[in-house]
Amino acid sequence: MGTSSQSFRTEIGSVVNFIGEATDEETQERHNTHYVPALTKLVQAEQTSRLVGTTETRKMLARTVPPRERLSEMVAFSMQGVEPLDVDKFDHWMKKYEKAFEAFLDRADDEVI
């Protein structure tokens, strides 16, 4: 789960770096070949964790989903030209995601024998 989260954070960050700096084609390529697979693996890891986790761990994991979804939405809207990417807001939501994910990992660590 930790590796999937780290890959997600790395790849969404790289797409954000490409937006406005690279061509639309290069940004789309980065999005499709790096970010989308990382997001897919993270969601799969989340589902697995939900299946094997305790009720409390599932609650902690659920707190990671809204910030992750907001980050993905911000990137999608920017790439579609719906809304320019606000880097400060992106950083705010990334910090919320990281904090929630760290709390989930701490809880999961407490429960692992």
C-alpha atoms as a PDB file:
ATOM      1  CA  MET A   1       0.000   0.000   0.000  1.00  0.00           C
ATOM      2  CA  GLY A   2       2.794   2.406   0.885  1.00  0.00           C
ATOM      3  CA  THR A   3       4.579   1.809  -2.407  1.00  0.00           C
ATOM      4  CA  SER A   4       1.384   2.404  -4.370  1.00  0.00           C
ATOM      5  CA  SER A   5       0.748   5.643  -2.533  1.00  0.00           C
ATOM      6  CA  GLN A   6       4.293   6.839  -3.132  1.00  0.00           C
ATOM      7  CA  SER A   7       4.029   6.039  -6.850  1.00  0.00           C
ATOM      8  CA  PHE A   8       0.725   7.926  -7.033  1.00  0.00           C
ATOM      9  CA  ARG A   9       2.254  10.988  -5.370  1.00  0.00           C
ATOM     10  CA  THR A  10       5.326  10.872  -7.595  1.00  0.00           C
ATOM     11  CA  GLU A  11       3.391  10.449 -10.831  1.00  0.00           C
ATOM     12  CA  ILE A  12       0.685  13.021 -10.125  1.00  0.00           C
ATOM     13  CA  GLY A  13       3.456  15.441  -9.199  1.00  0.00           C
ATOM     14  CA  SER A  14       5.246  14.772 -12.471  1.00  0.00           C
ATOM     15  CA  VAL A  15       2.064  15.428 -14.443  1.00  0.00           C
ATOM     16  CA  VAL A  16       1.612  18.695 -12.567  1.00  0.00           C
ATOM     17  CA  ASN A  17       5.182  19.638 -13.496  1.00  0.00           C
ATOM     18  CA  PHE A  18       4.418  18.899 -17.157  1.00  0.00           C
ATOM     19  CA  ILE A  19       1.254  21.038 -17.230  1.00  0.00           C
ATOM     20  CA  GLY A  20       2.130  24.357 -18.819  1.00  0.00           C
ATOM     21  CA  GLU A  21       5.788  23.377 -19.270  1.00  0.00           C
ATOM     22  CA  ALA A  22       5.550  20.606 -21.861  1.00  0.00           C
ATOM     23  CA  THR A  23       3.417  20.217 -24.947  1.00  0.00           C
ATOM     24  CA  ASP A  24      -0.123  18.941 -24.519  1.00  0.00           C
ATOM     25  CA  GLU A  25       0.941  15.701 -26.191  1.00  0.00           C
ATOM     26  CA  GLU A  26       3.860  15.217 -23.798  1.00  0.00           C
ATOM     27  CA  THR A  27       1.646  15.960 -20.809  1.00  0.00           C
ATOM     28  CA  GLN A  28      -1.017  13.553 -22.048  1.00  0.00           C
ATOM     29  CA  GLU A  29       1.607  10.867 -22.648  1.00  0.00           C
ATOM     30  CA  ARG A  30       2.982  11.302 -19.112  1.00  0.00           C
ATOM     31  CA  HIS A  31      -0.549  11.209 -17.723  1.00  0.00           C
ATOM     32  CA  ASN A  32      -1.536   8.060 -19.602  1.00  0.00           C
ATOM     33  CA  THR A  33       1.652   6.034 -19.275  1.00  0.00           C
ATOM     34  CA  HIS A  34       2.741   6.926 -15.740  1.00  0.00           C
ATOM     35  CA  TYR A  35      -0.004   8.557 -13.687  1.00  0.00           C
ATOM     36  CA  VAL A  36      -2.995   6.438 -14.729  1.00  0.00           C
ATOM     37  CA  PRO A  37      -1.227   3.124 -13.987  1.00  0.00           C
ATOM     38  CA  ALA A  38      -0.030   4.480 -10.610  1.00  0.00           C
ATOM     39  CA  LEU A  39      -3.562   5.603  -9.723  1.00  0.00           C
ATOM     40  CA  THR A  40      -4.973   2.247 -10.806  1.00  0.00           C
ATOM     41  CA  LYS A  41      -2.499   0.348  -8.627  1.00  0.00           C
ATOM     42  CA  LEU A  42      -3.267   2.612  -5.667  1.00  0.00           C
ATOM     43  CA  VAL A  43      -7.011   2.076  -5.973  1.00  0.00           C
ATOM     44  CA  GLN A  44      -6.438  -1.687  -6.239  1.00  0.00           C
ATOM     45  CA  ALA A  45      -4.250  -1.590  -3.114  1.00  0.00           C
ATOM     46  CA  GLU A  46      -6.937   0.423  -1.307  1.00  0.00           C
ATOM     47  CA  GLN A  47      -9.551  -2.168  -2.203  1.00  0.00           C
ATOM     48  CA  THR A  48      -7.341  -4.991  -0.963  1.00  0.00           C
ATOM     49  CA  SER A  49      -6.681  -3.117   2.268  1.00  0.00           C
ATOM     50  CA  ARG A  50     -10.397  -2.602   2.758  1.00  0.00           C
ATOM     51  CA  LEU A  51     -10.986  -6.320   2.393  1.00  0.00           C
ATOM     52  CA  VAL A  52      -8.409  -7.368   4.978  1.00  0.00           C
ATOM     53  CA  GLY A  53      -8.423  -4.409   7.361  1.00  0.00           C
ATOM     54  CA  THR A  54     -10.277  -3.961  10.609  1.00  0.00           C
ATOM     55  CA  THR A  55     -13.210  -1.603  10.874  1.00  0.00           C
ATOM     56  CA  GLU A  56     -10.998   1.098  12.367  1.00  0.00           C
ATOM     57  CA  THR A  57      -8.342   0.693   9.668  1.00  0.00           C
ATOM     58  CA  ARG A  58     -11.002   0.935   6.958  1.00  0.00           C
ATOM     59  CA  LYS A  59     -12.213   4.192   8.519  1.00  0.00           C
ATOM     60  CA  MET A  60      -8.681   5.581   8.459  1.00  0.00           C
ATOM     61  CA  LEU A  61      -8.236   4.474   4.852  1.00  0.00           C
ATOM     62  CA  ALA A  62     -11.537   6.103   3.881  1.00  0.00           C
ATOM     63  CA  ARG A  63     -10.141   9.446   5.037  1.00  0.00           C
ATOM     64  CA  THR A  64      -7.478   9.260   2.321  1.00  0.00           C
ATOM     65  CA  VAL A  65      -9.975   9.006  -0.512  1.00  0.00           C
ATOM     66  CA  PRO A  66     -11.474  12.559  -0.659  1.00  0.00           C
ATOM     67  CA  PRO A  67      -8.086  14.306  -0.899  1.00  0.00           C
ATOM     68  CA  ARG A  68      -6.845  11.747  -3.448  1.00  0.00           C
ATOM     69  CA  GLU A  69      -9.966  12.249  -5.523  1.00  0.00           C
ATOM     70  CA  ARG A  70      -9.645  16.045  -5.289  1.00  0.00           C
ATOM     71  CA  LEU A  71      -6.041  15.877  -6.496  1.00  0.00           C
ATOM     72  CA  SER A  72      -7.058  13.702  -9.432  1.00  0.00           C
ATOM     73  CA  GLU A  73      -9.953  16.009 -10.229  1.00  0.00           C
ATOM     74  CA  MET A  74      -7.713  19.084 -10.207  1.00  0.00           C
ATOM     75  CA  VAL A  75      -5.297  17.484 -12.667  1.00  0.00           C
ATOM     76  CA  ALA A  76      -8.123  16.244 -14.902  1.00  0.00           C
ATOM     77  CA  PHE A  77      -9.824  19.655 -14.969  1.00  0.00           C
ATOM     78  CA  SER A  78      -6.545  21.342 -15.811  1.00  0.00           C
ATOM     79  CA  MET A  79      -5.732  18.927 -18.602  1.00  0.00           C
ATOM     80  CA  GLN A  80      -9.236  19.316 -20.054  1.00  0.00           C
ATOM     81  CA  GLY A  81      -8.990  23.107 -19.939  1.00  0.00           C
ATOM     82  CA  VAL A  82     -11.927  23.329 -17.517  1.00  0.00           C
ATOM     83  CA  GLU A  83      -9.972  24.996 -14.738  1.00  0.00           C
ATOM     84  CA  PRO A  84      -6.359  26.143 -14.525  1.00  0.00           C
ATOM     85  CA  LEU A  85      -4.284  24.257 -11.987  1.00  0.00           C
ATOM     86  CA  ASP A  86      -3.834  26.228  -8.775  1.00  0.00           C
ATOM     87  CA  VAL A  87      -0.518  24.945  -7.443  1.00  0.00           C
ATOM     88  CA  ASP A  88      -1.184  26.269  -3.942  1.00  0.00           C
ATOM     89  CA  LYS A  89      -4.490  24.406  -3.765  1.00  0.00           C
ATOM     90  CA  PHE A  90      -2.821  21.325  -5.197  1.00  0.00           C
ATOM     91  CA  ASP A  91      -0.151  21.505  -2.487  1.00  0.00           C
ATOM     92  CA  HIS A  92      -2.859  21.959   0.159  1.00  0.00           C
ATOM     93  CA  TRP A  93      -4.706  18.832  -0.990  1.00  0.00           C
ATOM     94  CA  MET A  94      -1.468  16.862  -1.315  1.00  0.00           C
ATOM     95  CA  LYS A  95      -0.623  17.675   2.294  1.00  0.00           C
ATOM     96  CA  LYS A  96      -4.118  16.591   3.361  1.00  0.00           C
ATOM     97  CA  TYR A  97      -3.684  13.330   1.457  1.00  0.00           C
ATOM     98  CA  GLU A  98      -0.239  12.699   2.931  1.00  0.00           C
ATOM     99  CA  LYS A  99      -1.462  13.409   6.468  1.00  0.00           C
ATOM    100  CA  ALA A 100      -4.462  11.092   6.072  1.00  0.00           C
ATOM    101  CA  PHE A 101      -2.332   8.380   4.500  1.00  0.00           C
ATOM    102  CA  GLU A 102       0.265   8.598   7.262  1.00  0.00           C
ATOM    103  CA  ALA A 103      -2.503   8.259   9.872  1.00  0.00           C
ATOM    104  CA  PHE A 104      -3.787   5.183   8.022  1.00  0.00           C
ATOM    105  CA  LEU A 105      -0.314   3.619   7.966  1.00  0.00           C
ATOM    106  CA  ASP A 106       0.205   4.356  11.651  1.00  0.00           C
ATOM    107  CA  ARG A 107      -3.086   2.676  12.473  1.00  0.00           C
ATOM    108  CA  ALA A 108      -2.343  -0.299  10.244  1.00  0.00           C
ATOM    109  CA  ASP A 109       1.097  -0.674  11.832  1.00  0.00           C
ATOM    110  CA  ASP A 110      -0.513  -0.756  15.271  1.00  0.00           C
ATOM    111  CA  GLU A 111      -2.758  -3.617  14.207  1.00  0.00           C
ATOM    112  CA  VAL A 112      -0.215  -5.808  12.435  1.00  0.00           C
ATOM    113  CA  ILE A 113       1.099  -8.642  14.508  1.00  0.00           C
END
